[in-house]
């Protein structure tokens, strides 16, 4: 049996605003809905946003191609969002080159930490 992650719940102050923020930056289809959730499909996995204020920030990382990285990073900069090269927010305004790829972190409207990277941790 192959195990894959099917979905995860993302707590948000405004589920539609947060889901739309992610889809616009990553260039994904607009959020759908399922019961109380605003759903964002990312490959075979969905992020199911629910109106329930977060208890603290979560971290969501997305593996993207080099070309997708350029487009998404461009959207981050065009919106004037603060971004960092590290998850601890010490290297503001920079990207990283970990494992021979590129990566960048930014926050969503509920302060969840979002990340795009072109090479998975530990390399290919």
Protein backbone atom coordinates (compact mmCIF):
# COMPACT_ATOMS: atom_id res chain seq x y z
CA UNK A 1 0.00 0.00 0.00
CA UNK A 2 1.23 3.49 -0.84
CA UNK A 3 0.56 6.13 1.79
CA UNK A 4 -0.06 9.69 0.65
CA UNK A 5 -1.23 12.77 2.51
CA UNK A 6 -4.82 13.42 1.45
CA UNK A 7 -5.62 16.65 3.32
CA UNK A 8 -4.83 18.78 6.31
CA UNK A 9 -6.92 21.38 8.10
CA UNK A 10 -5.64 24.95 8.24
CA UNK A 11 -7.17 27.14 10.94
CA UNK A 12 -7.86 30.68 9.75
CA UNK A 13 -9.50 33.87 10.89
CA UNK A 14 -11.09 34.19 7.43
CA UNK A 15 -10.92 30.87 5.57
CA UNK A 16 -11.75 32.27 2.14
CA UNK A 17 -9.30 35.18 2.40
CA UNK A 18 -6.47 32.90 3.53
CA UNK A 19 -7.23 30.21 0.94
CA UNK A 20 -7.42 32.83 -1.82
CA UNK A 21 -4.13 34.39 -0.66
CA UNK A 22 -2.42 31.02 -1.13
CA UNK A 23 -4.01 30.19 -4.49
CA UNK A 24 -3.15 33.61 -5.92
CA UNK A 25 0.49 33.45 -4.85
CA UNK A 26 1.05 29.86 -5.94
CA UNK A 27 -0.97 30.22 -9.14
CA UNK A 28 -3.43 27.48 -8.19
CA UNK A 29 -7.12 27.11 -9.02
CA UNK A 30 -9.41 29.25 -6.85
CA UNK A 31 -10.50 27.65 -3.58
CA UNK A 32 -13.36 25.18 -3.70
CA UNK A 33 -15.68 24.32 -0.87
CA UNK A 34 -16.52 21.15 1.00
CA UNK A 35 -18.74 21.38 4.06
CA UNK A 36 -17.32 24.05 6.37
CA UNK A 37 -14.01 24.22 4.45
CA UNK A 38 -12.48 26.38 1.73
CA UNK A 39 -10.32 23.82 -0.04
CA UNK A 40 -7.08 24.41 -1.89
CA UNK A 41 -5.90 21.53 -4.03
CA UNK A 42 -2.11 21.09 -4.12
CA UNK A 43 -1.28 18.03 -6.18
CA UNK A 44 -2.97 15.04 -4.55
CA UNK A 45 -3.35 16.88 -1.22
CA UNK A 46 -5.84 19.52 -0.17
CA UNK A 47 -5.42 22.21 2.42
CA UNK A 48 -8.84 22.59 3.99
CA UNK A 49 -9.21 26.06 5.50
CA UNK A 50 -11.75 26.44 8.31
CA UNK A 51 -12.99 29.53 10.14
CA UNK A 52 -11.42 28.80 13.50
CA UNK A 53 -8.74 31.20 14.75
CA UNK A 54 -5.32 29.52 14.84
CA UNK A 55 -3.75 28.73 18.19
CA UNK A 56 -0.33 29.52 16.74
CA UNK A 57 1.48 29.56 13.43
CA UNK A 58 1.84 26.39 11.37
CA UNK A 59 4.34 25.72 8.58
CA UNK A 60 3.47 24.65 5.04
CA UNK A 61 6.20 24.01 2.45
CA UNK A 62 5.68 23.58 -1.30
CA UNK A 63 8.15 21.98 -3.69
CA UNK A 64 8.17 23.91 -6.98
CA UNK A 65 10.21 24.02 -10.18
CA UNK A 66 12.83 26.70 -10.79
CA UNK A 67 10.45 28.44 -13.21
CA UNK A 68 7.57 28.32 -10.73
CA UNK A 69 9.86 29.68 -8.02
CA UNK A 70 10.62 32.76 -10.15
CA UNK A 71 6.93 33.41 -10.81
CA UNK A 72 5.84 32.92 -7.18
CA UNK A 73 8.74 34.97 -5.78
CA UNK A 74 7.78 37.69 -8.25
CA UNK A 75 4.22 37.68 -6.88
CA UNK A 76 5.54 37.87 -3.30
CA UNK A 77 7.69 40.88 -4.17
CA UNK A 78 4.93 42.54 -6.24
CA UNK A 79 2.61 42.44 -3.23
CA UNK A 80 5.29 43.98 -1.05
CA UNK A 81 5.27 40.99 1.30
CA UNK A 82 8.12 40.55 3.73
CA UNK A 83 10.12 37.40 3.01
CA UNK A 84 13.03 35.58 4.58
CA UNK A 85 15.72 33.07 3.63
CA UNK A 86 15.22 31.14 6.87
CA UNK A 87 12.35 29.81 8.97
CA UNK A 88 13.43 31.86 11.99
CA UNK A 89 12.98 35.17 10.11
CA UNK A 90 16.55 36.30 10.67
CA UNK A 91 17.53 36.88 7.02
CA UNK A 92 14.87 39.28 5.80
CA UNK A 93 14.77 40.21 2.11
CA UNK A 94 16.90 37.21 1.09
CA UNK A 95 16.34 33.77 -0.39
CA UNK A 96 18.37 30.66 0.44
CA UNK A 97 20.29 28.25 -1.76
CA UNK A 98 20.00 25.18 0.44
CA UNK A 99 20.84 21.79 -1.09
CA UNK A 100 21.73 23.47 -4.40
CA UNK A 101 18.25 24.91 -4.93
CA UNK A 102 16.41 28.02 -3.84
CA UNK A 103 13.94 28.65 -1.06
CA UNK A 104 12.01 31.49 0.52
CA UNK A 105 9.62 31.92 3.45
CA UNK A 106 6.74 34.37 3.97
CA UNK A 107 3.67 34.60 6.22
CA UNK A 108 0.00 34.31 5.33
CA UNK A 109 -2.73 36.57 6.81
CA UNK A 110 -2.89 34.40 9.97
CA UNK A 111 0.88 34.34 10.39
CA UNK A 112 1.24 30.75 9.15
CA UNK A 113 4.75 30.26 7.75
CA UNK A 114 4.71 29.44 4.03
CA UNK A 115 7.72 28.19 2.11
CA UNK A 116 8.60 27.38 -1.47
CA UNK A 117 11.71 25.40 -2.33
CA UNK A 118 13.12 23.98 -5.55
CA UNK A 119 15.07 21.08 -4.03
CA UNK A 120 13.76 18.96 -1.15
CA UNK A 121 15.61 18.98 2.16
CA UNK A 122 18.65 16.77 1.85
CA UNK A 123 18.77 17.19 -1.94
CA UNK A 124 17.60 14.87 -4.65
